[in-house]
Amino acid sequence: MNARAWQRIPELGTEVGLWFLVRSLQALGRRPAEWMLRPIVAYYVARYPGIRRASANYLARVGVEPTPRAVSTHVFTFAACAIHRFLFVADNVSGFRIENHATEVLLGNGRAGTGAVLLGAHLGSFEALRAASRRTGARVNAVMDMRNAQLMRRFLERHAPDANVGILEVGADPTDLMLRARDCVERGEFVSILADRVGPGQRSTQVQFLGGTAELPTGPFLLAAHLRCPVYLVFGLYLGDGAYELVAEEFAERVELPRADRDGALAAYAQRFAERLEVRCRQAPYNWFNFFDYWSD
């Protein structure tokens, strides 16, 4: 299964099912709602062998024995983070324990009010970071491709109409995205983008990651270079039982792409990102949510 095949897999459940799960979260609490996820997870694990293979391949690379139970735990962690997202978007964090180590990095040392790019990955929950940032007065604008999340879009528009505030949707015009992102940074806001998955038609570069060769998109680094602002790596790692750890680290004061070796500089930034991502994958191995053939070797 490749990235495009993974994107064609239907989203977990139906809109009614999502409504039921989220209402269960709100009425019964996190644990009962998560138990309701288990048959859904069992179905997807049984129905899609490509998911099982991709999970087992990844788990072996991070030193986890890829048993059927480990694979199920991996997919369940993905599903749990997916439904948690709805509560985070609604600013409902009462059922979670969020240990926030990111704010000090992002807002300390006189950084408050200074725009920056936040690079993340399909690792844990980025919405946990956005929910925590609202309590500090910081605004995080997420660059998102909603084409494979129409079910979630419809749900949020109907049940959480304020959720799309702070979303920079990827469209056909990259120049428009650049201009909107620049406006955010100039207002002292954060612009976040996931840098671990290559979308259709996107340029990429090869990196060494978890013992193999993988492709990373160059677009996030081009965006950061265009915005000429500090760049941080940020992750919302799910530790289980409702606990999240938010972490951030400085990636570059500026992303510089010299004309003489632009491609080489892009490759170097991508490799640095891959190396730091590998550290976080080993820290929270079940948080990796790319269930397709990620490595080319």
Protein backbone atom coordinates (compact mmCIF):
# COMPACT_ATOMS: atom_id res chain seq x y z
CA MET A 1 0.00 0.00 0.00
CA ASN A 2 1.39 3.39 -1.00
CA ALA A 3 0.50 6.88 0.24
CA ARG A 4 -2.19 7.39 -2.39
CA ALA A 5 -3.80 4.03 -1.54
CA TRP A 6 -3.80 4.97 2.16
CA GLN A 7 -5.50 8.27 1.31
CA ARG A 8 -8.24 6.37 -0.56
CA ILE A 9 -9.16 4.27 2.49
CA PRO A 10 -12.47 5.55 3.87
CA GLU A 11 -12.30 7.61 7.02
CA LEU A 12 -13.13 5.74 10.21
CA GLY A 13 -16.89 5.39 10.40
CA THR A 14 -19.70 7.60 9.16
CA GLU A 15 -20.77 11.07 10.18
CA VAL A 16 -23.45 9.53 12.42
CA GLY A 17 -20.85 7.21 13.91
CA LEU A 18 -18.48 10.10 14.59
CA TRP A 19 -21.29 12.07 16.18
CA PHE A 20 -22.10 9.10 18.41
CA LEU A 21 -18.46 8.62 19.45
CA VAL A 22 -17.91 12.29 20.23
CA ARG A 23 -21.18 12.56 22.15
CA SER A 24 -20.15 9.42 24.05
CA LEU A 25 -16.85 11.10 24.87
CA GLN A 26 -18.71 14.10 26.23
CA ALA A 27 -21.42 12.20 28.10
CA LEU A 28 -19.65 9.07 29.33
CA GLY A 29 -16.03 10.11 29.39
CA ARG A 30 -12.95 9.11 27.47
CA ARG A 31 -12.60 5.47 28.54
CA PRO A 32 -16.10 4.24 27.54
CA ALA A 33 -15.85 6.02 24.20
CA GLU A 34 -12.46 4.50 23.54
CA TRP A 35 -13.83 1.04 24.27
CA MET A 36 -16.41 1.68 21.56
CA LEU A 37 -13.51 2.23 19.16
CA ARG A 38 -12.14 -1.26 19.60
CA PRO A 39 -14.51 -3.11 17.24
CA ILE A 40 -13.96 -0.38 14.64
CA VAL A 41 -10.20 -0.81 14.96
CA ALA A 42 -10.56 -4.60 14.76
CA TYR A 43 -12.51 -4.21 11.51
CA TYR A 44 -9.91 -1.98 9.87
CA VAL A 45 -7.02 -4.18 10.96
CA ALA A 46 -8.79 -7.26 9.57
CA ARG A 47 -10.11 -5.56 6.42
CA TYR A 48 -6.88 -3.91 5.22
CA PRO A 49 -3.80 -6.16 5.18
CA GLY A 50 -1.73 -3.24 3.91
CA ILE A 51 -2.32 -1.47 7.22
CA ARG A 52 -1.09 -4.55 9.11
CA ARG A 53 2.03 -4.84 6.97
CA ALA A 54 2.87 -1.14 7.20
CA SER A 55 2.41 -1.14 10.97
CA ALA A 56 4.54 -4.26 11.44
CA ASN A 57 7.31 -2.83 9.24
CA TYR A 58 7.39 0.42 11.20
CA LEU A 59 7.19 -1.23 14.63
CA ALA A 60 10.13 -3.49 13.82
CA ARG A 61 12.17 -0.43 12.81
CA VAL A 62 11.61 1.24 16.20
CA GLY A 63 12.40 -1.93 18.13
CA VAL A 64 8.86 -3.08 18.97
CA GLU A 65 8.09 -6.72 18.24
CA PRO A 66 5.35 -6.54 15.57
CA THR A 67 2.91 -8.96 17.17
CA PRO A 68 -0.80 -8.82 16.27
CA ARG A 69 -1.43 -7.17 19.64
CA ALA A 70 1.22 -4.52 18.98
CA VAL A 71 -0.27 -3.80 15.55
CA SER A 72 -3.75 -3.45 17.07
CA THR A 73 -2.38 -1.13 19.77
CA HIS A 74 -0.73 0.95 17.05
CA VAL A 75 -3.96 1.34 15.05
CA PHE A 76 -5.99 1.93 18.23
CA THR A 77 -3.66 4.78 19.23
CA PHE A 78 -4.33 6.36 15.83
CA ALA A 79 -8.10 6.00 16.26
CA ALA A 80 -8.04 7.36 19.82
CA CYS A 81 -6.08 10.44 18.76
CA ALA A 82 -8.54 10.92 15.89
CA ILE A 83 -11.57 11.17 18.18
CA HIS A 84 -9.66 13.21 20.77
CA ARG A 85 -9.22 15.77 18.02
CA PHE A 86 -12.90 16.69 18.13
CA LEU A 87 -12.69 17.56 21.81
CA PHE A 88 -9.50 19.56 21.31
CA VAL A 89 -11.09 21.52 18.48
CA ALA A 90 -14.04 22.30 20.76
CA ASP A 91 -11.55 23.42 23.44
CA ASN A 92 -12.67 20.63 25.76
CA VAL A 93 -9.53 19.32 27.47
CA SER A 94 -11.04 18.48 30.85
CA GLY A 95 -10.71 14.73 30.35
CA PHE A 96 -7.01 14.88 29.49
CA ARG A 97 -3.72 15.39 31.26
CA ILE A 98 -1.56 17.60 29.05
CA GLU A 99 2.05 18.10 30.05
CA ASN A 100 3.09 21.16 28.08
CA HIS A 101 6.83 21.54 27.52
CA ALA A 102 6.32 23.36 24.22
CA THR A 103 5.10 26.76 25.39
CA GLU A 104 8.33 27.68 27.14
CA VAL A 105 10.31 26.92 24.00
CA LEU A 106 7.94 28.75 21.66
CA LEU A 107 7.13 31.78 23.80
CA GLY A 108 10.13 32.07 26.12
CA ASN A 109 13.18 34.30 25.74
CA GLY A 110 11.17 37.20 24.36
CA ARG A 111 9.59 35.11 21.59
CA ALA A 112 6.01 36.09 22.48
CA GLY A 113 4.45 37.99 19.58
CA THR A 114 7.06 36.74 17.10
CA GLY A 115 5.73 34.68 14.21
CA ALA A 116 7.26 31.30 13.46
CA VAL A 117 6.83 28.12 11.43
CA LEU A 118 6.02 24.93 13.34
CA LEU A 119 7.03 21.71 11.58
CA GLY A 120 5.20 18.59 12.69
CA ALA A 121 4.40 15.10 11.48
CA HIS A 122 1.65 12.50 11.51
CA LEU A 123 2.92 11.61 14.96
CA GLY A 124 0.50 11.94 17.86
CA SER A 125 -1.94 14.86 17.86
CA PHE A 126 -1.21 18.32 16.56
CA GLU A 127 -4.63 19.43 17.78
CA ALA A 128 -3.46 18.89 21.36
CA LEU A 129 -0.84 21.57 20.77
CA ARG A 130 -3.35 23.94 19.19
CA ALA A 131 -5.74 23.43 22.13
CA ALA A 132 -2.97 24.21 24.62
CA SER A 133 -1.82 27.25 22.63
CA ARG A 134 -5.24 28.87 22.92
CA ARG A 135 -4.71 29.11 26.68
CA THR A 136 -1.55 31.15 26.17
CA GLY A 137 -3.10 33.57 23.70
CA ALA A 138 -0.93 32.22 20.89
CA ARG A 139 -2.62 31.47 17.57
CA VAL A 140 -1.62 28.45 15.51
CA ASN A 141 -2.71 28.42 11.84
CA ALA A 142 -2.50 24.92 10.40
CA VAL A 143 -1.69 24.31 6.73
CA MET A 144 -3.99 21.40 5.89
CA ASP A 145 -5.05 19.32 2.90
CA MET A 146 -8.71 18.56 3.57
CA ARG A 147 -9.29 16.51 0.41
CA ASN A 148 -9.07 13.20 2.28
CA ALA A 149 -10.98 14.46 5.31
CA GLN A 150 -14.35 15.47 3.88
CA LEU A 151 -16.21 13.49 6.54
CA MET A 152 -14.37 15.35 9.27
CA ARG A 153 -14.92 18.66 7.46
CA ARG A 154 -18.70 18.10 7.31
CA PHE A 155 -18.82 17.04 10.94
CA LEU A 156 -16.87 20.07 12.12
CA GLU A 157 -18.89 22.49 10.00
CA ARG A 158 -22.11 21.13 11.50
CA HIS A 159 -21.12 20.51 15.11
CA ALA A 160 -18.10 22.79 15.67
CA PRO A 161 -18.43 25.67 13.20
CA ASP A 162 -15.54 27.60 14.76
CA ALA A 163 -13.10 24.75 14.11
CA ASN A 164 -11.93 26.03 10.72
CA VAL A 165 -10.65 29.27 12.23
CA GLY A 166 -6.90 29.06 11.94
CA ILE A 167 -6.82 26.60 9.03
CA LEU A 168 -4.86 27.47 5.88
CA GLU A 169 -6.31 25.02 3.41
CA VAL A 170 -4.03 23.78 0.64
CA GLY A 171 -5.50 24.77 -2.72
CA ALA A 172 -4.55 24.91 -6.36
CA ASP A 173 -2.62 28.18 -5.99
CA PRO A 174 0.56 27.83 -3.91
CA THR A 175 1.22 31.57 -4.18
CA ASP A 176 -2.04 32.31 -2.39
CA LEU A 177 -1.06 29.94 0.41
CA MET A 178 2.34 31.65 0.74
CA LEU A 179 0.69 35.08 0.99
CA ARG A 180 -1.82 33.95 3.60
CA ALA A 181 0.92 32.29 5.63
CA ARG A 182 3.06 35.43 5.43
CA ASP A 183 0.16 37.51 6.74
CA CYS A 184 -0.11 35.18 9.74
CA VAL A 185 3.60 35.42 10.56
CA GLU A 186 3.59 39.20 10.19
CA ARG A 187 0.78 39.32 12.77
CA GLY A 188 3.01 37.38 15.17
CA GLU A 189 1.12 34.10 14.74
CA PHE A 190 2.38 30.56 14.20
CA VAL A 191 2.02 28.66 10.92
CA SER A 192 2.12 24.89 11.30
CA ILE A 193 2.65 22.30 8.59
CA LEU A 194 3.24 18.55 8.60
CA ALA A 195 6.48 17.60 6.88
CA ASP A 196 6.50 13.80 6.80
CA ARG A 197 4.15 12.85 3.95
CA VAL A 198 4.45 13.53 0.21
CA GLY A 199 1.16 14.46 -1.41
CA PRO A 200 0.17 13.96 -5.06
CA GLY A 201 2.28 16.11 -7.36
CA GLN A 202 4.52 17.40 -4.57
CA ARG A 203 8.29 17.60 -4.89
CA SER A 204 10.30 15.44 -2.53
CA THR A 205 13.79 14.46 -1.51
CA GLN A 206 15.24 11.22 -0.16
CA VAL A 207 16.30 10.86 3.47
CA GLN A 208 17.60 8.12 5.72
CA PHE A 209 14.98 7.38 8.36
CA LEU A 210 14.70 4.49 10.80
CA GLY A 211 17.20 2.37 8.92
CA GLY A 212 15.81 2.86 5.44
CA THR A 213 15.30 5.31 2.59
CA ALA A 214 12.16 7.43 2.64
CA GLU A 215 10.79 10.44 0.77
CA LEU A 216 10.00 13.72 2.49
CA PRO A 217 8.26 16.70 0.88
CA THR A 218 10.35 19.79 0.20
CA GLY A 219 7.34 22.12 0.31
CA PRO A 220 7.39 22.74 4.09
CA PHE A 221 11.03 23.83 3.94
CA LEU A 222 10.36 26.04 0.92
CA LEU A 223 7.48 27.65 2.83
CA ALA A 224 9.74 28.24 5.84
CA ALA A 225 12.43 29.78 3.63
CA HIS A 226 9.87 32.09 2.03
CA LEU A 227 8.54 33.28 5.39
CA ARG A 228 12.04 34.02 6.74
CA CYS A 229 11.18 33.44 10.39
CA PRO A 230 12.24 31.03 13.15
CA VAL A 231 11.34 27.37 12.63
CA TYR A 232 10.51 24.87 15.38
CA LEU A 233 9.71 21.18 15.52
CA VAL A 234 6.57 20.44 17.55
CA PHE A 235 4.84 17.20 18.52
CA GLY A 236 1.85 16.28 20.68
CA LEU A 237 2.75 12.77 21.84
CA TYR A 238 -0.01 10.54 23.20
CA LEU A 239 1.26 8.54 26.16
CA GLY A 240 -1.97 6.62 26.75
CA ASP A 241 -4.78 6.85 29.30
CA GLY A 242 -5.62 10.43 28.34
CA ALA A 243 -2.09 11.79 28.80
CA TYR A 244 -0.34 13.95 26.20
CA GLU A 245 3.14 15.42 26.25
CA LEU A 246 3.71 18.53 24.13
CA VAL A 247 7.30 19.03 23.04
CA ALA A 248 9.06 21.63 20.89
CA GLU A 249 12.63 22.30 19.84
CA GLU A 250 14.31 24.92 17.70
CA PHE A 251 15.01 23.68 14.19
CA ALA A 252 16.49 26.77 12.52
CA GLU A 253 16.59 30.50 13.17
CA ARG A 254 15.98 30.82 9.43
CA VAL A 255 15.77 28.29 6.60
CA GLU A 256 18.36 29.51 4.10
CA LEU A 257 18.41 28.15 0.53
CA PRO A 258 21.48 29.40 -1.35
CA ARG A 259 21.02 29.65 -5.11
CA ALA A 260 24.26 27.78 -5.74
CA ASP A 261 22.95 24.59 -4.10
CA ARG A 262 19.27 24.98 -3.39
CA ASP A 263 18.44 21.30 -3.79
CA GLY A 264 21.34 20.28 -1.58
CA ALA A 265 20.20 22.66 1.15
CA LEU A 266 16.64 21.33 0.95
CA ALA A 267 17.93 17.77 1.24
CA ALA A 268 20.02 18.72 4.29
CA TYR A 269 17.05 20.32 6.07
CA ALA A 270 14.88 17.30 5.27
CA GLN A 271 17.53 14.93 6.62
CA ARG A 272 17.83 16.95 9.82
CA PHE A 273 14.06 16.80 10.22
CA ALA A 274 14.11 13.02 9.67
CA GLU A 275 16.77 12.56 12.35
CA ARG A 276 14.78 14.50 14.94
CA LEU A 277 11.57 12.75 13.92
CA GLU A 278 13.26 9.40 14.48
CA VAL A 279 14.06 10.41 18.06
CA ARG A 280 10.40 11.22 18.73
CA CYS A 281 9.21 8.00 17.08
CA ARG A 282 11.36 5.99 19.46
CA GLN A 283 10.07 8.08 22.37
CA ALA A 284 6.41 7.31 21.53
CA PRO A 285 6.48 4.37 19.08
CA TYR A 286 2.72 3.86 18.75
CA ASN A 287 2.16 7.48 17.69
CA TRP A 288 3.29 7.05 14.06
CA PHE A 289 0.22 7.37 11.80
CA ASN A 290 1.50 6.64 8.27
CA PHE A 291 -0.03 3.24 7.50
CA PHE A 292 1.41 2.70 4.03
CA ASP A 293 4.70 1.62 2.41
CA TYR A 294 6.73 4.51 3.74
CA TRP A 295 10.19 3.20 2.85
CA SER A 296 11.43 2.63 -0.68
CA ASP A 297 13.91 -0.12 0.23
